[in-house]
Amino acid sequence: MKIFFLSCLFIFPATFLFAQNDSADEKSIATAVQKLEKIWNRHDMDAYCDLFTDDATWINIVGMFWQNKTDLCKAHKVIKEVALKYWTAKMDLVKLRIIAPDVALAYIYETIHVEEDYSLPNGTKFSKGDTSHDQISLVYIRKGNEWKITAGHNTVVDPKMAAFNPIK
């Protein structure tokens, strides 16, 4: 019986400390997502690129796969001039999972607001006031005292299919 009580004396405080750390990590990652939104809406691609690890990967909304920070930054800078500079985004952190002490998965629901008319190189036109929605998954890893994105994937939410979600 003494062993049980002694075990409880050590286990419960340790559990509390780990829970405290998860909470601090969750707040740090939520802050990192807010920072991502602010940088994105300033269209500051250099600051955006600083959010990633050197070996980061990204799959964009049309399935392009970029396999390092250099390529994903180059791609985002080019695409910014064609489209990204014409819209802003609201990023809502939907779910956060701490996978390991230095690894987290963030799920973000993004609402895109078109700020001025523009056309993509393929002829697709967008008008000021248009909105669309994306789902973004980001894998964050802790590098020193900050959380960096090491992998990301975003996909367009199809509003026509939303009514057919089998779990809703």
N, C-alpha and C. Protein backbone atom coordinates (compact mmCIF):
# COMPACT_ATOMS: atom_id res chain seq x y z
N MET A 1 0.81 -1.18 0.00
CA MET A 1 0.00 0.00 0.00
C MET A 1 0.87 1.26 0.00
N LYS A 2 1.99 1.21 0.76
CA LYS A 2 2.89 2.36 0.78
C LYS A 2 3.45 2.63 -0.60
N ILE A 3 3.75 1.55 -1.32
CA ILE A 3 4.30 1.70 -2.67
C ILE A 3 3.29 2.41 -3.57
N PHE A 4 2.02 2.05 -3.44
CA PHE A 4 0.96 2.68 -4.23
C PHE A 4 0.92 4.19 -3.96
N PHE A 5 0.90 4.56 -2.71
CA PHE A 5 0.83 5.98 -2.36
C PHE A 5 2.09 6.73 -2.80
N LEU A 6 3.25 6.10 -2.63
CA LEU A 6 4.48 6.73 -3.07
C LEU A 6 4.50 6.90 -4.60
N SER A 7 3.99 5.89 -5.28
CA SER A 7 3.91 5.97 -6.74
C SER A 7 3.03 7.13 -7.15
N CYS A 8 1.89 7.25 -6.49
CA CYS A 8 0.97 8.34 -6.79
C CYS A 8 1.62 9.69 -6.55
N LEU A 9 2.44 9.75 -5.51
CA LEU A 9 3.12 10.98 -5.17
C LEU A 9 4.04 11.44 -6.30
N PHE A 10 4.63 10.50 -7.02
CA PHE A 10 5.54 10.85 -8.10
C PHE A 10 4.84 10.92 -9.46
N ILE A 11 3.87 10.08 -9.70
CA ILE A 11 3.21 10.02 -11.01
C ILE A 11 2.32 11.23 -11.25
N PHE A 12 1.47 11.59 -10.29
CA PHE A 12 0.53 12.69 -10.50
C PHE A 12 1.22 14.02 -10.75
N PRO A 13 2.26 14.37 -9.97
CA PRO A 13 2.96 15.63 -10.29
C PRO A 13 3.61 15.60 -11.67
N ALA A 14 4.16 14.47 -12.07
CA ALA A 14 4.79 14.37 -13.39
C ALA A 14 3.74 14.56 -14.48
N THR A 15 2.58 13.94 -14.30
CA THR A 15 1.49 14.09 -15.27
C THR A 15 1.08 15.55 -15.36
N PHE A 16 0.98 16.21 -14.23
CA PHE A 16 0.60 17.62 -14.20
C PHE A 16 1.63 18.47 -14.94
N LEU A 17 2.91 18.19 -14.72
CA LEU A 17 3.96 18.96 -15.38
C LEU A 17 3.94 18.76 -16.89
N PHE A 18 3.74 17.53 -17.34
CA PHE A 18 3.66 17.29 -18.79
C PHE A 18 2.44 17.97 -19.38
N ALA A 19 1.32 17.95 -18.68
CA ALA A 19 0.12 18.62 -19.16
C ALA A 19 0.36 20.12 -19.25
N GLN A 20 1.08 20.69 -18.29
CA GLN A 20 1.41 22.10 -18.32
C GLN A 20 2.25 22.42 -19.55
N ASN A 21 3.22 21.55 -19.86
CA ASN A 21 4.09 21.77 -21.00
C ASN A 21 3.29 21.70 -22.30
N ASP A 22 2.39 20.71 -22.42
CA ASP A 22 1.54 20.61 -23.61
C ASP A 22 0.74 21.88 -23.80
N SER A 23 0.20 22.42 -22.72
CA SER A 23 -0.59 23.64 -22.79
C SER A 23 0.26 24.81 -23.28
N ALA A 24 1.48 24.92 -22.78
CA ALA A 24 2.38 25.98 -23.23
C ALA A 24 2.73 25.79 -24.71
N ASP A 25 2.98 24.54 -25.11
CA ASP A 25 3.27 24.26 -26.51
C ASP A 25 2.08 24.60 -27.39
N GLU A 26 0.89 24.23 -26.94
CA GLU A 26 -0.32 24.54 -27.72
C GLU A 26 -0.47 26.05 -27.91
N LYS A 27 -0.21 26.81 -26.87
CA LYS A 27 -0.29 28.27 -26.98
C LYS A 27 0.77 28.79 -27.94
N SER A 28 1.97 28.24 -27.88
CA SER A 28 3.05 28.67 -28.78
C SER A 28 2.71 28.38 -30.23
N ILE A 29 2.13 27.22 -30.47
CA ILE A 29 1.78 26.86 -31.85
C ILE A 29 0.60 27.71 -32.33
N ALA A 30 -0.37 27.95 -31.48
CA ALA A 30 -1.49 28.83 -31.84
C ALA A 30 -0.96 30.22 -32.21
N THR A 31 0.02 30.69 -31.46
CA THR A 31 0.65 31.97 -31.76
C THR A 31 1.39 31.90 -33.10
N ALA A 32 2.03 30.77 -33.38
CA ALA A 32 2.74 30.59 -34.66
C ALA A 32 1.75 30.63 -35.82
N VAL A 33 0.56 30.07 -35.64
CA VAL A 33 -0.46 30.10 -36.70
C VAL A 33 -0.94 31.54 -36.90
N GLN A 34 -1.13 32.28 -35.83
CA GLN A 34 -1.53 33.70 -35.95
C GLN A 34 -0.44 34.49 -36.68
N LYS A 35 0.81 34.20 -36.37
CA LYS A 35 1.93 34.86 -37.04
C LYS A 35 1.92 34.53 -38.53
N LEU A 36 1.66 33.27 -38.86
CA LEU A 36 1.55 32.85 -40.26
C LEU A 36 0.48 33.67 -40.98
N GLU A 37 -0.68 33.81 -40.36
CA GLU A 37 -1.77 34.58 -40.98
C GLU A 37 -1.36 36.03 -41.21
N LYS A 38 -0.74 36.66 -40.23
CA LYS A 38 -0.33 38.07 -40.37
C LYS A 38 0.69 38.24 -41.48
N ILE A 39 1.69 37.36 -41.51
CA ILE A 39 2.72 37.43 -42.55
C ILE A 39 2.10 37.19 -43.92
N TRP A 40 1.23 36.20 -44.00
CA TRP A 40 0.57 35.88 -45.27
C TRP A 40 -0.20 37.08 -45.80
N ASN A 41 -0.94 37.73 -44.92
CA ASN A 41 -1.78 38.86 -45.35
C ASN A 41 -0.96 40.11 -45.67
N ARG A 42 0.26 40.19 -45.18
CA ARG A 42 1.17 41.28 -45.58
C ARG A 42 1.84 40.95 -46.91
N HIS A 43 1.68 39.70 -47.35
CA HIS A 43 2.30 39.21 -48.59
C HIS A 43 3.82 39.31 -48.51
N ASP A 44 4.35 39.07 -47.32
CA ASP A 44 5.79 39.15 -47.07
C ASP A 44 6.37 37.73 -47.22
N MET A 45 6.76 37.40 -48.43
CA MET A 45 7.22 36.05 -48.71
C MET A 45 8.56 35.73 -48.06
N ASP A 46 9.40 36.73 -47.80
CA ASP A 46 10.66 36.45 -47.10
C ASP A 46 10.38 36.04 -45.66
N ALA A 47 9.49 36.77 -44.98
CA ALA A 47 9.11 36.40 -43.61
C ALA A 47 8.38 35.06 -43.61
N TYR A 48 7.56 34.82 -44.62
CA TYR A 48 6.85 33.55 -44.75
C TYR A 48 7.86 32.40 -44.84
N CYS A 49 8.87 32.57 -45.66
CA CYS A 49 9.88 31.52 -45.83
C CYS A 49 10.64 31.23 -44.54
N ASP A 50 10.80 32.23 -43.69
CA ASP A 50 11.50 32.05 -42.41
C ASP A 50 10.72 31.14 -41.45
N LEU A 51 9.46 30.88 -41.75
CA LEU A 51 8.63 30.02 -40.89
C LEU A 51 8.92 28.53 -41.09
N PHE A 52 9.70 28.19 -42.12
CA PHE A 52 9.91 26.80 -42.51
C PHE A 52 11.31 26.29 -42.15
N THR A 53 11.41 24.96 -41.99
CA THR A 53 12.71 24.31 -41.86
C THR A 53 13.33 24.20 -43.25
N ASP A 54 14.63 24.01 -43.32
CA ASP A 54 15.31 23.90 -44.61
C ASP A 54 14.83 22.72 -45.43
N ASP A 55 14.44 21.63 -44.75
CA ASP A 55 14.01 20.42 -45.46
C ASP A 55 12.48 20.32 -45.56
N ALA A 56 11.80 21.44 -45.40
CA ALA A 56 10.34 21.45 -45.43
C ALA A 56 9.80 20.98 -46.78
N THR A 57 8.62 20.39 -46.73
CA THR A 57 7.90 19.99 -47.94
C THR A 57 6.53 20.66 -47.94
N TRP A 58 5.97 20.81 -49.13
CA TRP A 58 4.66 21.45 -49.26
C TRP A 58 3.93 20.87 -50.45
N ILE A 59 2.65 20.59 -50.27
CA ILE A 59 1.77 20.23 -51.38
C ILE A 59 0.71 21.32 -51.45
N ASN A 60 0.64 22.00 -52.59
CA ASN A 60 -0.30 23.12 -52.69
C ASN A 60 -1.69 22.65 -53.14
N ILE A 61 -2.59 23.61 -53.31
CA ILE A 61 -4.01 23.28 -53.55
C ILE A 61 -4.27 22.62 -54.90
N VAL A 62 -3.30 22.64 -55.80
CA VAL A 62 -3.49 21.96 -57.08
C VAL A 62 -2.55 20.76 -57.22
N GLY A 63 -1.96 20.33 -56.10
CA GLY A 63 -1.18 19.10 -56.09
C GLY A 63 0.29 19.23 -56.43
N MET A 64 0.80 20.46 -56.54
CA MET A 64 2.23 20.62 -56.78
C MET A 64 2.98 20.27 -55.50
N PHE A 65 4.06 19.50 -55.63
CA PHE A 65 4.83 19.03 -54.48
C PHE A 65 6.21 19.65 -54.51
N TRP A 66 6.51 20.44 -53.47
CA TRP A 66 7.81 21.09 -53.36
C TRP A 66 8.55 20.45 -52.20
N GLN A 67 9.82 20.07 -52.44
CA GLN A 67 10.51 19.18 -51.52
C GLN A 67 11.62 19.82 -50.69
N ASN A 68 11.70 21.13 -50.65
CA ASN A 68 12.63 21.80 -49.75
C ASN A 68 12.25 23.27 -49.65
N LYS A 69 12.81 23.94 -48.66
CA LYS A 69 12.48 25.34 -48.39
C LYS A 69 12.78 26.23 -49.59
N THR A 70 13.90 26.00 -50.24
CA THR A 70 14.28 26.82 -51.39
C THR A 70 13.22 26.75 -52.47
N ASP A 71 12.78 25.54 -52.82
CA ASP A 71 11.78 25.39 -53.88
C ASP A 71 10.41 25.93 -53.46
N LEU A 72 10.00 25.65 -52.22
CA LEU A 72 8.66 26.12 -51.83
C LEU A 72 8.64 27.63 -51.71
N CYS A 73 9.75 28.24 -51.33
CA CYS A 73 9.81 29.70 -51.25
C CYS A 73 9.80 30.31 -52.65
N LYS A 74 10.59 29.73 -53.55
CA LYS A 74 10.61 30.22 -54.93
C LYS A 74 9.21 30.14 -55.54
N ALA A 75 8.55 29.00 -55.34
CA ALA A 75 7.21 28.81 -55.90
C ALA A 75 6.22 29.82 -55.32
N HIS A 76 6.24 30.00 -54.01
CA HIS A 76 5.30 30.94 -53.39
C HIS A 76 5.55 32.37 -53.85
N LYS A 77 6.82 32.73 -54.05
CA LYS A 77 7.13 34.08 -54.51
C LYS A 77 6.61 34.31 -55.93
N VAL A 78 6.74 33.31 -56.79
CA VAL A 78 6.23 33.43 -58.16
C VAL A 78 4.70 33.49 -58.13
N ILE A 79 4.08 32.60 -57.39
CA ILE A 79 2.62 32.54 -57.33
C ILE A 79 2.04 33.80 -56.67
N LYS A 80 2.78 34.38 -55.74
CA LYS A 80 2.33 35.63 -55.10
C LYS A 80 2.07 36.69 -56.17
N GLU A 81 2.98 36.80 -57.12
CA GLU A 81 2.85 37.83 -58.15
C GLU A 81 1.68 37.56 -59.10
N VAL A 82 1.31 36.30 -59.24
CA VAL A 82 0.23 35.94 -60.15
C VAL A 82 -1.14 35.98 -59.46
N ALA A 83 -1.18 35.62 -58.17
CA ALA A 83 -2.48 35.49 -57.52
C ALA A 83 -2.51 35.90 -56.05
N LEU A 84 -1.56 35.44 -55.28
CA LEU A 84 -1.65 35.58 -53.83
C LEU A 84 -1.74 37.02 -53.36
N LYS A 85 -1.13 37.95 -54.09
CA LYS A 85 -1.15 39.35 -53.67
C LYS A 85 -2.54 39.97 -53.80
N TYR A 86 -3.47 39.28 -54.44
CA TYR A 86 -4.80 39.83 -54.65
C TYR A 86 -5.81 39.40 -53.59
N TRP A 87 -5.37 38.60 -52.62
CA TRP A 87 -6.31 38.16 -51.60
C TRP A 87 -5.68 38.07 -50.22
N THR A 88 -6.56 38.05 -49.23
CA THR A 88 -6.15 37.88 -47.84
C THR A 88 -6.83 36.63 -47.30
N ALA A 89 -6.35 36.17 -46.16
CA ALA A 89 -6.88 34.93 -45.60
C ALA A 89 -7.14 35.08 -44.11
N LYS A 90 -8.16 34.40 -43.66
CA LYS A 90 -8.44 34.24 -42.23
C LYS A 90 -8.15 32.78 -41.92
N MET A 91 -7.21 32.54 -41.00
CA MET A 91 -6.81 31.18 -40.66
C MET A 91 -7.29 30.83 -39.26
N ASP A 92 -8.16 29.85 -39.19
CA ASP A 92 -8.70 29.40 -37.91
C ASP A 92 -8.11 28.04 -37.56
N LEU A 93 -7.43 27.98 -36.43
CA LEU A 93 -6.87 26.73 -35.94
C LEU A 93 -8.03 25.86 -35.45
N VAL A 94 -8.28 24.76 -36.15
CA VAL A 94 -9.41 23.89 -35.85
C VAL A 94 -9.03 22.82 -34.83
N LYS A 95 -7.87 22.25 -35.00
CA LYS A 95 -7.42 21.18 -34.11
C LYS A 95 -5.90 21.18 -34.07
N LEU A 96 -5.40 20.87 -32.91
CA LEU A 96 -3.96 20.78 -32.72
C LEU A 96 -3.66 19.49 -31.98
N ARG A 97 -2.69 18.75 -32.49
CA ARG A 97 -2.27 17.50 -31.85
C ARG A 97 -0.78 17.55 -31.58
N ILE A 98 -0.41 17.40 -30.33
CA ILE A 98 1.00 17.25 -29.99
C ILE A 98 1.31 15.77 -30.19
N ILE A 99 2.13 15.47 -31.18
CA ILE A 99 2.41 14.08 -31.55
C ILE A 99 3.58 13.52 -30.73
N ALA A 100 4.55 14.37 -30.48
CA ALA A 100 5.73 14.02 -29.68
C ALA A 100 6.18 15.31 -29.00
N PRO A 101 7.09 15.25 -28.06
CA PRO A 101 7.47 16.48 -27.34
C PRO A 101 7.87 17.65 -28.25
N ASP A 102 8.43 17.39 -29.41
CA ASP A 102 8.85 18.47 -30.30
C ASP A 102 8.17 18.43 -31.66
N VAL A 103 7.03 17.76 -31.75
CA VAL A 103 6.32 17.62 -33.02
C VAL A 103 4.83 17.84 -32.79
N ALA A 104 4.22 18.66 -33.66
CA ALA A 104 2.79 18.92 -33.54
C ALA A 104 2.16 18.99 -34.93
N LEU A 105 0.90 18.67 -34.98
CA LEU A 105 0.12 18.73 -36.21
C LEU A 105 -1.00 19.74 -36.02
N ALA A 106 -1.03 20.75 -36.88
CA ALA A 106 -2.05 21.79 -36.81
C ALA A 106 -2.98 21.68 -38.01
N TYR A 107 -4.28 21.68 -37.73
CA TYR A 107 -5.30 21.68 -38.78
C TYR A 107 -5.92 23.07 -38.81
N ILE A 108 -5.92 23.69 -39.97
CA ILE A 108 -6.37 25.07 -40.12
C ILE A 108 -7.46 25.13 -41.19
N TYR A 109 -8.53 25.88 -40.87
CA TYR A 109 -9.57 26.17 -41.84
C TYR A 109 -9.32 27.60 -42.31
N GLU A 110 -9.11 27.75 -43.60
CA GLU A 110 -8.76 29.06 -44.16
C GLU A 110 -9.89 29.60 -45.01
N THR A 111 -10.25 30.85 -44.75
CA THR A 111 -11.22 31.56 -45.57
C THR A 111 -10.46 32.62 -46.36
N ILE A 112 -10.57 32.54 -47.67
CA ILE A 112 -9.85 33.44 -48.57
C ILE A 112 -10.81 34.52 -49.06
N HIS A 113 -10.35 35.76 -48.99
CA HIS A 113 -11.14 36.92 -49.45
C HIS A 113 -10.39 37.58 -50.60
N VAL A 114 -11.02 37.65 -51.76
CA VAL A 114 -10.41 38.30 -52.92
C VAL A 114 -10.58 39.81 -52.74
N GLU A 115 -9.46 40.53 -52.77
CA GLU A 115 -9.45 41.97 -52.52
C GLU A 115 -9.55 42.80 -53.80
N GLU A 116 -9.19 42.21 -54.94
CA GLU A 116 -9.35 42.90 -56.22
C GLU A 116 -9.42 41.87 -57.34
N ASP A 117 -10.03 42.27 -58.45
CA ASP A 117 -10.19 41.36 -59.59
C ASP A 117 -8.82 40.91 -60.10
N TYR A 118 -8.74 39.65 -60.50
CA TYR A 118 -7.53 39.15 -61.13
C TYR A 118 -7.86 37.88 -61.89
N SER A 119 -6.93 37.46 -62.77
CA SER A 119 -7.07 36.22 -63.53
C SER A 119 -5.81 35.39 -63.39
N LEU A 120 -5.98 34.08 -63.33
CA LEU A 120 -4.84 33.16 -63.31
C LEU A 120 -4.32 32.98 -64.73
N PRO A 121 -3.10 32.48 -64.88
CA PRO A 121 -2.55 32.26 -66.22
C PRO A 121 -3.42 31.32 -67.07
N ASN A 122 -4.20 30.42 -66.42
CA ASN A 122 -5.06 29.51 -67.20
C ASN A 122 -6.38 30.15 -67.60
N GLY A 123 -6.58 31.43 -67.25
CA GLY A 123 -7.80 32.15 -67.64
C GLY A 123 -8.88 32.19 -66.58
N THR A 124 -8.74 31.46 -65.49
CA THR A 124 -9.72 31.49 -64.41
C THR A 124 -9.76 32.90 -63.83
N LYS A 125 -10.99 33.45 -63.72
CA LYS A 125 -11.15 34.83 -63.23
C LYS A 125 -11.71 34.83 -61.82
N PHE A 126 -11.24 35.79 -61.03
CA PHE A 126 -11.72 36.00 -59.68
C PHE A 126 -12.13 37.46 -59.55
N SER A 127 -13.20 37.70 -58.80
CA SER A 127 -13.71 39.05 -58.64
C SER A 127 -13.59 39.50 -57.20
N LYS A 128 -13.38 40.80 -57.04
CA LYS A 128 -13.33 41.38 -55.70
C LYS A 128 -14.58 40.97 -54.94
N GLY A 129 -14.38 40.50 -53.70
CA GLY A 129 -15.50 40.06 -52.87
C GLY A 129 -15.72 38.56 -52.89
N ASP A 130 -15.12 37.86 -53.85
CA ASP A 130 -15.23 36.39 -53.87
C ASP A 130 -14.60 35.82 -52.60
N THR A 131 -15.14 34.69 -52.15
CA THR A 131 -14.51 33.97 -51.04
C THR A 131 -14.41 32.50 -51.41
N SER A 132 -13.44 31.85 -50.83
CA SER A 132 -13.30 30.41 -50.97
C SER A 132 -12.70 29.89 -49.67
N HIS A 133 -12.63 28.57 -49.56
CA HIS A 133 -12.16 27.97 -48.31
C HIS A 133 -11.18 26.84 -48.61
N ASP A 134 -10.19 26.72 -47.74
CA ASP A 134 -9.18 25.65 -47.81
C ASP A 134 -9.09 24.97 -46.46
N GLN A 135 -8.58 23.76 -46.50
CA GLN A 135 -8.14 23.06 -45.29
C GLN A 135 -6.63 22.94 -45.40
N ILE A 136 -5.95 23.29 -44.33
CA ILE A 136 -4.48 23.23 -44.32
C ILE A 136 -4.03 22.33 -43.17
N SER A 137 -3.09 21.45 -43.45
CA SER A 137 -2.45 20.63 -42.42
C SER A 137 -0.98 21.04 -42.37
N LEU A 138 -0.51 21.37 -41.17
CA LEU A 138 0.88 21.77 -41.00
C LEU A 138 1.53 20.90 -39.93
N VAL A 139 2.71 20.39 -40.23
CA VAL A 139 3.50 19.68 -39.24
C VAL A 139 4.55 20.67 -38.73
N TYR A 140 4.48 20.94 -37.44
CA TYR A 140 5.43 21.83 -36.79
C TYR A 140 6.45 21.00 -36.01
N ILE A 141 7.71 21.43 -36.03
CA ILE A 141 8.72 20.84 -35.15
C ILE A 141 9.39 21.98 -34.38
N ARG A 142 9.78 21.65 -33.16
CA ARG A 142 10.45 22.65 -32.34
C ARG A 142 11.92 22.71 -32.74
N LYS A 143 12.37 23.91 -33.04
CA LYS A 143 13.77 24.18 -33.34
C LYS A 143 14.21 25.24 -32.34
N GLY A 144 14.94 24.83 -31.32
CA GLY A 144 15.31 25.76 -30.26
C GLY A 144 14.08 26.19 -29.50
N ASN A 145 13.82 27.48 -29.49
CA ASN A 145 12.66 28.02 -28.77
C ASN A 145 11.49 28.34 -29.68
N GLU A 146 11.56 28.00 -30.96
CA GLU A 146 10.44 28.31 -31.84
C GLU A 146 9.95 27.09 -32.59
N TRP A 147 8.73 27.18 -33.03
CA TRP A 147 8.10 26.11 -33.81
C TRP A 147 8.20 26.48 -35.28
N LYS A 148 8.75 25.56 -36.08
CA LYS A 148 8.91 25.76 -37.52
C LYS A 148 8.05 24.75 -38.27
N ILE A 149 7.59 25.15 -39.44
CA ILE A 149 6.80 24.26 -40.29
C ILE A 149 7.78 23.38 -41.06
N THR A 150 7.58 22.06 -40.98
CA THR A 150 8.44 21.14 -41.70
C THR A 150 7.68 20.43 -42.83
N ALA A 151 6.35 20.49 -42.79
CA ALA A 151 5.55 19.92 -43.87
C ALA A 151 4.18 20.60 -43.87
N GLY A 152 3.66 20.81 -45.07
CA GLY A 152 2.34 21.42 -45.19
C GLY A 152 1.60 20.88 -46.40
N HIS A 153 0.30 20.93 -46.30
CA HIS A 153 -0.58 20.50 -47.39
C HIS A 153 -1.86 21.30 -47.30
N ASN A 154 -2.28 21.88 -48.39
CA ASN A 154 -3.60 22.52 -48.37
C ASN A 154 -4.43 22.04 -49.54
N THR A 155 -5.71 22.05 -49.31
CA THR A 155 -6.65 21.60 -50.32
C THR A 155 -7.88 22.49 -50.30
N VAL A 156 -8.46 22.69 -51.46
CA VAL A 156 -9.66 23.51 -51.58
C VAL A 156 -10.85 22.74 -51.02
N VAL A 157 -11.69 23.44 -50.28
CA VAL A 157 -12.95 22.86 -49.80
C VAL A 157 -13.98 23.05 -50.91
N ASP A 158 -14.58 21.96 -51.34
CA ASP A 158 -15.60 22.00 -52.38
C ASP A 158 -16.96 22.22 -51.73
N PRO A 159 -17.53 23.44 -51.85
CA PRO A 159 -18.80 23.73 -51.17
C PRO A 159 -19.97 22.87 -51.68
N LYS A 160 -19.89 22.40 -52.91
CA LYS A 160 -20.96 21.56 -53.46
C LYS A 160 -21.01 20.20 -52.79
N MET A 161 -19.86 19.75 -52.28
CA MET A 161 -19.80 18.43 -51.65
C MET A 161 -20.03 18.47 -50.14
N ALA A 162 -19.99 19.66 -49.55
CA ALA A 162 -20.11 19.79 -48.10
C ALA A 162 -21.37 19.12 -47.56
N ALA A 163 -22.47 19.23 -48.29
CA ALA A 163 -23.74 18.63 -47.85
C ALA A 163 -23.69 17.11 -47.83
N PHE A 164 -22.71 16.53 -48.48
CA PHE A 164 -22.63 15.06 -48.58
C PHE A 164 -21.57 14.46 -47.65
N ASN A 165 -21.06 15.25 -46.72
CA ASN A 165 -20.08 14.74 -45.77
C ASN A 165 -20.75 13.64 -44.94
N PRO A 166 -20.26 12.41 -45.00
CA PRO A 166 -20.94 11.30 -44.34
C PRO A 166 -20.92 11.36 -42.82
N ILE A 167 -20.12 12.24 -42.22
CA ILE A 167 -20.13 12.31 -40.76
C ILE A 167 -20.87 13.53 -40.24
N LYS A 168 -21.47 14.28 -41.10
CA LYS A 168 -22.23 15.48 -40.67
C LYS A 168 -23.72 15.18 -40.68
